[in-house]
Structure formats: C-alpha cells, structure tokens
C-alpha cells in the first residue's frame, strides 16, 4: 500500500513568552500556525499531526504531516506492505487508563495515570499491534526527554519519552492510518507522530 501525504519542517520559536517556560500548549499553537499559514481553520478540526525537537531554548524543529496539502509542504509517499520492516521512533507520554480513583473508588469514566516503568514495554507493544505493527522486542528502547507543563499556569506536567523500535507491518491499512494519524494520546500536543530512522 502506498501512503501519500504532505510534510514540512520548520525551525522556529516555540511560541512561549520570554518570561515563561515552553508548554505543550505553545507547541500546539505553533504547529497550527505552521499548518494553516495563519489562515482560519474550523475549530475542533486538526487534520495534521506534528512533532517537536528541542534544539535550543529559542529554536525548536517542528515537523508537520497531513493527508491534505498545506503551505510549504512537500508531497511524499511511503510504501507499507505486510511483512515490511521499519525502524520507527515517536514521542510518547507513558500513561494507562484506569477507572479507579487513587483511593480505590470506581470512577464514572476512565482517566489516564502515569504508567509504571515496568509496564512501558507491554503497553507500547500492545498499542502498536492495534496500529498494524509488531515490535521486535529486543529493539525497543525508551529515552526520557523531560517533563513539560501542559498549559501555562496549570500545575500538571507530562513526562515525555522517545520510543525507538524496529517494527514489522502486520496490517497495511492500520499502519497507513497510524502514519497519518499518529499512535498515542495527546497527538494535538506533538505526541505519536511516527518517524522513520
């Protein structure tokens, strides 16, 4: 299966005020500007995924990918066939869903809590199976990147980990969707964009 998409990279300021630290919300807003070129896009429609790489305090490398054409993007293609092996990396916030409160009471809806380190391998492997990829276990590695505040003046921080693994395509359609849509929570904040290495 051939996946057609558009991608652009830009070296730019992450969008935080001089007296503030960078937040995931800053990344989200900057990615929107890069994708839309400043044009208005209907609310709640985010037809792209992105990734940020911290280079310096004032300069970050943004990569934006979409199935739709957007300003300064290059049209690209990726062949995904069952049995193909790829080396992928992506940013991930290691969490698991639970329906129990810290005191053990049942919650009306699930919430995400930090995943214990010993569960990371299993969580990522299972999630990638649902995305059409089988991870070769001895190639899976995790590199903590740091902790980012979600929004300014908001106490919650998200720990971000770089995941690197060799994968085999087991479902072309799911793998193609994962390439275009990302593979984890918080995709609106730069998580889950698969990158080939």
C-alpha atoms as a PDB file:
ATOM      1  CA  UNK A   1       0.000   0.000   0.000  1.00  0.00           C
ATOM      2  CA  UNK A   2       1.306   3.438  -0.910  1.00  0.00           C
ATOM      3  CA  UNK A   3       0.565   6.195   1.627  1.00  0.00           C
ATOM      4  CA  UNK A   4       0.501   9.693   0.132  1.00  0.00           C
ATOM      5  CA  UNK A   5       0.922  12.642   2.454  1.00  0.00           C
ATOM      6  CA  UNK A   6       2.338  16.145   2.815  1.00  0.00           C
ATOM      7  CA  UNK A   7       5.087  17.067   5.227  1.00  0.00           C
ATOM      8  CA  UNK A   8       7.001  20.197   6.172  1.00  0.00           C
ATOM      9  CA  UNK A   9       9.679  21.054   8.697  1.00  0.00           C
ATOM     10  CA  UNK A  10      10.419  24.448  10.177  1.00  0.00           C
ATOM     11  CA  UNK A  11      12.992  25.777  12.600  1.00  0.00           C
ATOM     12  CA  UNK A  12      11.176  28.316  14.748  1.00  0.00           C
ATOM     13  CA  UNK A  13      10.492  29.793  18.165  1.00  0.00           C
ATOM     14  CA  UNK A  14       8.105  27.532  20.103  1.00  0.00           C
ATOM     15  CA  UNK A  15       5.771  30.431  20.913  1.00  0.00           C
ATOM     16  CA  UNK A  16       6.208  30.983  24.638  1.00  0.00           C
ATOM     17  CA  UNK A  17       6.517  34.398  26.274  1.00  0.00           C
ATOM     18  CA  UNK A  18      10.084  35.434  27.238  1.00  0.00           C
ATOM     19  CA  UNK A  19       9.383  35.079  30.963  1.00  0.00           C
ATOM     20  CA  UNK A  20       7.698  31.664  30.689  1.00  0.00           C
ATOM     21  CA  UNK A  21       8.807  28.107  30.056  1.00  0.00           C
ATOM     22  CA  UNK A  22       7.633  26.256  26.960  1.00  0.00           C
ATOM     23  CA  UNK A  23       4.372  24.321  27.373  1.00  0.00           C
ATOM     24  CA  UNK A  24       2.687  21.672  25.254  1.00  0.00           C
ATOM     25  CA  UNK A  25       0.009  24.283  24.522  1.00  0.00           C
ATOM     26  CA  UNK A  26       2.715  26.539  22.985  1.00  0.00           C
ATOM     27  CA  UNK A  27       3.740  23.699  20.687  1.00  0.00           C
ATOM     28  CA  UNK A  28       0.109  23.081  19.751  1.00  0.00           C
ATOM     29  CA  UNK A  29      -0.456  26.730  18.761  1.00  0.00           C
ATOM     30  CA  UNK A  30       2.810  26.966  16.816  1.00  0.00           C
ATOM     31  CA  UNK A  31       2.016  23.784  14.876  1.00  0.00           C
ATOM     32  CA  UNK A  32      -1.419  25.229  13.975  1.00  0.00           C
ATOM     33  CA  UNK A  33       0.275  28.380  12.632  1.00  0.00           C
ATOM     34  CA  UNK A  34       2.684  26.310  10.550  1.00  0.00           C
ATOM     35  CA  UNK A  35      -0.110  24.144   9.164  1.00  0.00           C
ATOM     36  CA  UNK A  36      -2.618  26.888   8.410  1.00  0.00           C
ATOM     37  CA  UNK A  37      -0.184  29.605   7.369  1.00  0.00           C
ATOM     38  CA  UNK A  38      -2.183  31.917   9.627  1.00  0.00           C
ATOM     39  CA  UNK A  39      -5.483  31.201   7.840  1.00  0.00           C
ATOM     40  CA  UNK A  40      -8.593  30.383   9.861  1.00  0.00           C
ATOM     41  CA  UNK A  41      -9.305  26.678  10.264  1.00  0.00           C
ATOM     42  CA  UNK A  42     -12.609  25.478  11.757  1.00  0.00           C
ATOM     43  CA  UNK A  43     -12.363  24.708  15.451  1.00  0.00           C
ATOM     44  CA  UNK A  44     -12.059  21.071  16.517  1.00  0.00           C
ATOM     45  CA  UNK A  45     -10.681  20.034  13.130  1.00  0.00           C
ATOM     46  CA  UNK A  46      -6.991  19.176  13.282  1.00  0.00           C
ATOM     47  CA  UNK A  47      -6.149  17.462  10.006  1.00  0.00           C
ATOM     48  CA  UNK A  48      -2.461  17.058  10.856  1.00  0.00           C
ATOM     49  CA  UNK A  49      -0.018  15.591  13.329  1.00  0.00           C
ATOM     50  CA  UNK A  50       3.277  17.089  14.372  1.00  0.00           C
ATOM     51  CA  UNK A  51       6.440  16.565  16.322  1.00  0.00           C
ATOM     52  CA  UNK A  52       8.804  18.988  18.008  1.00  0.00           C
ATOM     53  CA  UNK A  53      12.522  18.578  18.646  1.00  0.00           C
ATOM     54  CA  UNK A  54      14.122  20.879  21.203  1.00  0.00           C
ATOM     55  CA  UNK A  55      17.358  22.337  19.814  1.00  0.00           C
ATOM     56  CA  UNK A  56      17.792  25.449  21.987  1.00  0.00           C
ATOM     57  CA  UNK A  57      15.553  27.433  24.333  1.00  0.00           C
ATOM     58  CA  UNK A  58      14.528  29.709  21.434  1.00  0.00           C
ATOM     59  CA  UNK A  59      14.697  27.308  18.473  1.00  0.00           C
ATOM     60  CA  UNK A  60      12.776  24.100  18.009  1.00  0.00           C
ATOM     61  CA  UNK A  61      12.433  21.939  14.921  1.00  0.00           C
ATOM     62  CA  UNK A  62       8.791  21.277  14.041  1.00  0.00           C
ATOM     63  CA  UNK A  63       7.738  18.520  11.635  1.00  0.00           C
ATOM     64  CA  UNK A  64       4.122  18.635  10.439  1.00  0.00           C
ATOM     65  CA  UNK A  65       2.373  15.857   8.463  1.00  0.00           C
ATOM     66  CA  UNK A  66      -1.075  15.751   6.866  1.00  0.00           C
ATOM     67  CA  UNK A  67      -3.078  13.879   4.249  1.00  0.00           C
ATOM     68  CA  UNK A  68      -4.032  17.363   2.983  1.00  0.00           C
ATOM     69  CA  UNK A  69      -1.858  19.887   1.187  1.00  0.00           C
ATOM     70  CA  UNK A  70      -0.749  22.871   3.289  1.00  0.00           C
ATOM     71  CA  UNK A  71       1.656  25.840   2.887  1.00  0.00           C
ATOM     72  CA  UNK A  72       5.327  24.962   2.283  1.00  0.00           C
ATOM     73  CA  UNK A  73       4.684  21.207   2.460  1.00  0.00           C
ATOM     74  CA  UNK A  74       6.311  18.649   0.193  1.00  0.00           C
ATOM     75  CA  UNK A  75       4.267  15.771  -1.204  1.00  0.00           C
ATOM     76  CA  UNK A  76       5.689  12.422  -0.126  1.00  0.00           C
ATOM     77  CA  UNK A  77       4.882   8.755  -0.242  1.00  0.00           C
ATOM     78  CA  UNK A  78       5.618   5.720   1.884  1.00  0.00           C
ATOM     79  CA  UNK A  79       5.190   2.112   0.786  1.00  0.00           C
ATOM     80  CA  UNK A  80       3.743  -0.079   3.537  1.00  0.00           C
ATOM     81  CA  UNK A  81       3.426  -3.761   2.690  1.00  0.00           C
ATOM     82  CA  UNK A  82       2.678  -6.631   5.027  1.00  0.00           C
ATOM     83  CA  UNK A  83       5.979  -8.074   6.239  1.00  0.00           C
ATOM     84  CA  UNK A  84       7.981  -4.856   5.687  1.00  0.00           C
ATOM     85  CA  UNK A  85      10.412  -3.965   8.456  1.00  0.00           C
ATOM     86  CA  UNK A  86      10.836  -0.336   9.517  1.00  0.00           C
ATOM     87  CA  UNK A  87      12.866   1.434  12.184  1.00  0.00           C
ATOM     88  CA  UNK A  88      10.498   3.955  13.828  1.00  0.00           C
ATOM     89  CA  UNK A  89      10.614   6.480  16.621  1.00  0.00           C
ATOM     90  CA  UNK A  90       7.920   8.626  18.208  1.00  0.00           C
ATOM     91  CA  UNK A  91       7.252  10.720  21.296  1.00  0.00           C
ATOM     92  CA  UNK A  92       5.006   9.190  23.920  1.00  0.00           C
ATOM     93  CA  UNK A  93       3.512  10.222  27.253  1.00  0.00           C
ATOM     94  CA  UNK A  94       3.589   6.926  29.197  1.00  0.00           C
ATOM     95  CA  UNK A  95       0.102   6.599  30.640  1.00  0.00           C
ATOM     96  CA  UNK A  96      -2.520   3.934  31.144  1.00  0.00           C
ATOM     97  CA  UNK A  97      -6.281   4.293  31.514  1.00  0.00           C
ATOM     98  CA  UNK A  98      -7.962   3.416  34.791  1.00  0.00           C
ATOM     99  CA  UNK A  99     -11.475   3.576  36.183  1.00  0.00           C
ATOM    100  CA  UNK A 100     -10.291   3.603  39.792  1.00  0.00           C
ATOM    101  CA  UNK A 101      -9.529   6.692  41.862  1.00  0.00           C
ATOM    102  CA  UNK A 102      -6.328   6.826  43.948  1.00  0.00           C
ATOM    103  CA  UNK A 103      -8.461   5.761  46.934  1.00  0.00           C
ATOM    104  CA  UNK A 104      -9.813   2.730  45.025  1.00  0.00           C
ATOM    105  CA  UNK A 105     -13.296   4.052  44.257  1.00  0.00           C
ATOM    106  CA  UNK A 106     -14.815   3.320  40.855  1.00  0.00           C
ATOM    107  CA  UNK A 107     -14.918   6.383  38.571  1.00  0.00           C
ATOM    108  CA  UNK A 108     -17.790   7.160  36.183  1.00  0.00           C
ATOM    109  CA  UNK A 109     -15.296   7.417  33.307  1.00  0.00           C
ATOM    110  CA  UNK A 110     -11.704   6.391  32.829  1.00  0.00           C
ATOM    111  CA  UNK A 111      -8.802   8.705  33.434  1.00  0.00           C
ATOM    112  CA  UNK A 112      -5.154   8.465  32.424  1.00  0.00           C
ATOM    113  CA  UNK A 113      -2.471   7.976  35.031  1.00  0.00           C
ATOM    114  CA  UNK A 114       1.312   7.573  34.644  1.00  0.00           C
ATOM    115  CA  UNK A 115       2.259   4.053  33.576  1.00  0.00           C
ATOM    116  CA  UNK A 116       4.771   2.315  35.859  1.00  0.00           C
ATOM    117  CA  UNK A 117       8.152   1.947  34.120  1.00  0.00           C
ATOM    118  CA  UNK A 118       7.961  -1.855  34.245  1.00  0.00           C
ATOM    119  CA  UNK A 119       4.766  -1.754  32.117  1.00  0.00           C
ATOM    120  CA  UNK A 120       6.049   0.512  29.321  1.00  0.00           C
ATOM    121  CA  UNK A 121       7.213  -2.312  27.049  1.00  0.00           C
ATOM    122  CA  UNK A 122       3.921  -4.194  27.286  1.00  0.00           C
ATOM    123  CA  UNK A 123       1.782  -1.046  26.878  1.00  0.00           C
ATOM    124  CA  UNK A 124       3.665   0.120  23.765  1.00  0.00           C
ATOM    125  CA  UNK A 125       3.782  -3.360  22.218  1.00  0.00           C
ATOM    126  CA  UNK A 126       0.019  -3.864  22.636  1.00  0.00           C
ATOM    127  CA  UNK A 127      -0.841  -0.399  21.332  1.00  0.00           C
ATOM    128  CA  UNK A 128       1.346  -0.843  18.266  1.00  0.00           C
ATOM    129  CA  UNK A 129      -0.304  -4.200  17.494  1.00  0.00           C
ATOM    130  CA  UNK A 130      -3.614  -2.314  17.278  1.00  0.00           C
ATOM    131  CA  UNK A 131      -1.914   0.156  14.917  1.00  0.00           C
ATOM    132  CA  UNK A 132      -0.805  -2.565  12.481  1.00  0.00           C
ATOM    133  CA  UNK A 133       2.788  -3.038  13.664  1.00  0.00           C
ATOM    134  CA  UNK A 134       4.544  -5.846  15.517  1.00  0.00           C
ATOM    135  CA  UNK A 135       7.516  -4.629  17.565  1.00  0.00           C
ATOM    136  CA  UNK A 136      10.719  -6.671  17.581  1.00  0.00           C
ATOM    137  CA  UNK A 137      11.150  -6.811  21.379  1.00  0.00           C
ATOM    138  CA  UNK A 138      14.957  -6.673  21.535  1.00  0.00           C
ATOM    139  CA  UNK A 139      14.996  -3.419  19.516  1.00  0.00           C
ATOM    140  CA  UNK A 140      12.572  -1.477  21.736  1.00  0.00           C
ATOM    141  CA  UNK A 141      14.128   1.375  23.713  1.00  0.00           C
ATOM    142  CA  UNK A 142      12.875   4.328  25.745  1.00  0.00           C
ATOM    143  CA  UNK A 143      14.714   7.622  26.232  1.00  0.00           C
ATOM    144  CA  UNK A 144      13.135  10.107  28.664  1.00  0.00           C
ATOM    145  CA  UNK A 145      13.122  13.590  27.092  1.00  0.00           C
ATOM    146  CA  UNK A 146      11.835  15.595  30.043  1.00  0.00           C
ATOM    147  CA  UNK A 147       8.661  16.920  31.541  1.00  0.00           C
ATOM    148  CA  UNK A 148       6.508  19.659  30.012  1.00  0.00           C
ATOM    149  CA  UNK A 149       3.778  21.701  31.594  1.00  0.00           C
ATOM    150  CA  UNK A 150       0.553  21.116  29.695  1.00  0.00           C
ATOM    151  CA  UNK A 151      -0.686  24.732  29.757  1.00  0.00           C
ATOM    152  CA  UNK A 152       0.622  27.971  31.290  1.00  0.00           C
ATOM    153  CA  UNK A 153      -0.409  28.396  34.927  1.00  0.00           C
ATOM    154  CA  UNK A 154      -1.600  24.780  35.008  1.00  0.00           C
ATOM    155  CA  UNK A 155       0.052  22.506  37.578  1.00  0.00           C
ATOM    156  CA  UNK A 156       0.005  19.264  35.589  1.00  0.00           C
ATOM    157  CA  UNK A 157       3.185  18.176  33.825  1.00  0.00           C
ATOM    158  CA  UNK A 158       3.516  15.464  31.183  1.00  0.00           C
ATOM    159  CA  UNK A 159       6.610  13.258  31.115  1.00  0.00           C
ATOM    160  CA  UNK A 160       7.653  12.668  27.510  1.00  0.00           C
ATOM    161  CA  UNK A 161       9.614   9.640  26.333  1.00  0.00           C
ATOM    162  CA  UNK A 162      11.196   8.971  22.926  1.00  0.00           C
ATOM    163  CA  UNK A 163      10.325   5.434  21.809  1.00  0.00           C
ATOM    164  CA  UNK A 164      12.543   3.707  19.253  1.00  0.00           C
ATOM    165  CA  UNK A 165      11.833   0.270  17.777  1.00  0.00           C
ATOM    166  CA  UNK A 166      12.138  -1.963  14.757  1.00  0.00           C
ATOM    167  CA  UNK A 167       8.648  -2.958  13.642  1.00  0.00           C
ATOM    168  CA  UNK A 168       7.073  -5.284  11.104  1.00  0.00           C
ATOM    169  CA  UNK A 169       3.938  -4.248   9.239  1.00  0.00           C
ATOM    170  CA  UNK A 170       1.156  -6.755  10.013  1.00  0.00           C
ATOM    171  CA  UNK A 171      -1.840  -4.748   8.787  1.00  0.00           C
ATOM    172  CA  UNK A 172      -1.289  -2.298   5.919  1.00  0.00           C
ATOM    173  CA  UNK A 173      -4.494  -0.289   6.410  1.00  0.00           C
ATOM    174  CA  UNK A 174      -3.972   0.194  10.154  1.00  0.00           C
ATOM    175  CA  UNK A 175      -0.297   1.027   9.625  1.00  0.00           C
ATOM    176  CA  UNK A 176      -1.177   3.611   6.956  1.00  0.00           C
ATOM    177  CA  UNK A 177      -3.714   5.192   9.288  1.00  0.00           C
ATOM    178  CA  UNK A 178      -1.132   5.273  12.091  1.00  0.00           C
ATOM    179  CA  UNK A 179       1.354   7.015   9.763  1.00  0.00           C
ATOM    180  CA  UNK A 180      -1.207   9.736   9.014  1.00  0.00           C
ATOM    181  CA  UNK A 181      -2.958   9.991  12.404  1.00  0.00           C
ATOM    182  CA  UNK A 182      -0.256   9.158  14.965  1.00  0.00           C
ATOM    183  CA  UNK A 183      -0.190   6.423  17.586  1.00  0.00           C
ATOM    184  CA  UNK A 184      -0.705   7.845  21.047  1.00  0.00           C
ATOM    185  CA  UNK A 185      -2.667  10.163  23.288  1.00  0.00           C
ATOM    186  CA  UNK A 186      -2.003  13.898  23.115  1.00  0.00           C
ATOM    187  CA  UNK A 187      -1.442  13.928  19.355  1.00  0.00           C
ATOM    188  CA  UNK A 188      -2.700  17.531  19.379  1.00  0.00           C
ATOM    189  CA  UNK A 189       0.350  18.323  21.521  1.00  0.00           C
ATOM    190  CA  UNK A 190       3.091  16.697  19.451  1.00  0.00           C
ATOM    191  CA  UNK A 191       2.903  13.078  20.587  1.00  0.00           C
ATOM    192  CA  UNK A 192       2.703   9.933  18.468  1.00  0.00           C
ATOM    193  CA  UNK A 193       3.972  11.075  15.052  1.00  0.00           C
ATOM    194  CA  UNK A 194       5.856   8.088  13.616  1.00  0.00           C
ATOM    195  CA  UNK A 195       9.226   8.970  12.085  1.00  0.00           C
ATOM    196  CA  UNK A 196      11.412   6.599  10.113  1.00  0.00           C
ATOM    197  CA  UNK A 197      15.037   6.306  11.247  1.00  0.00           C
END
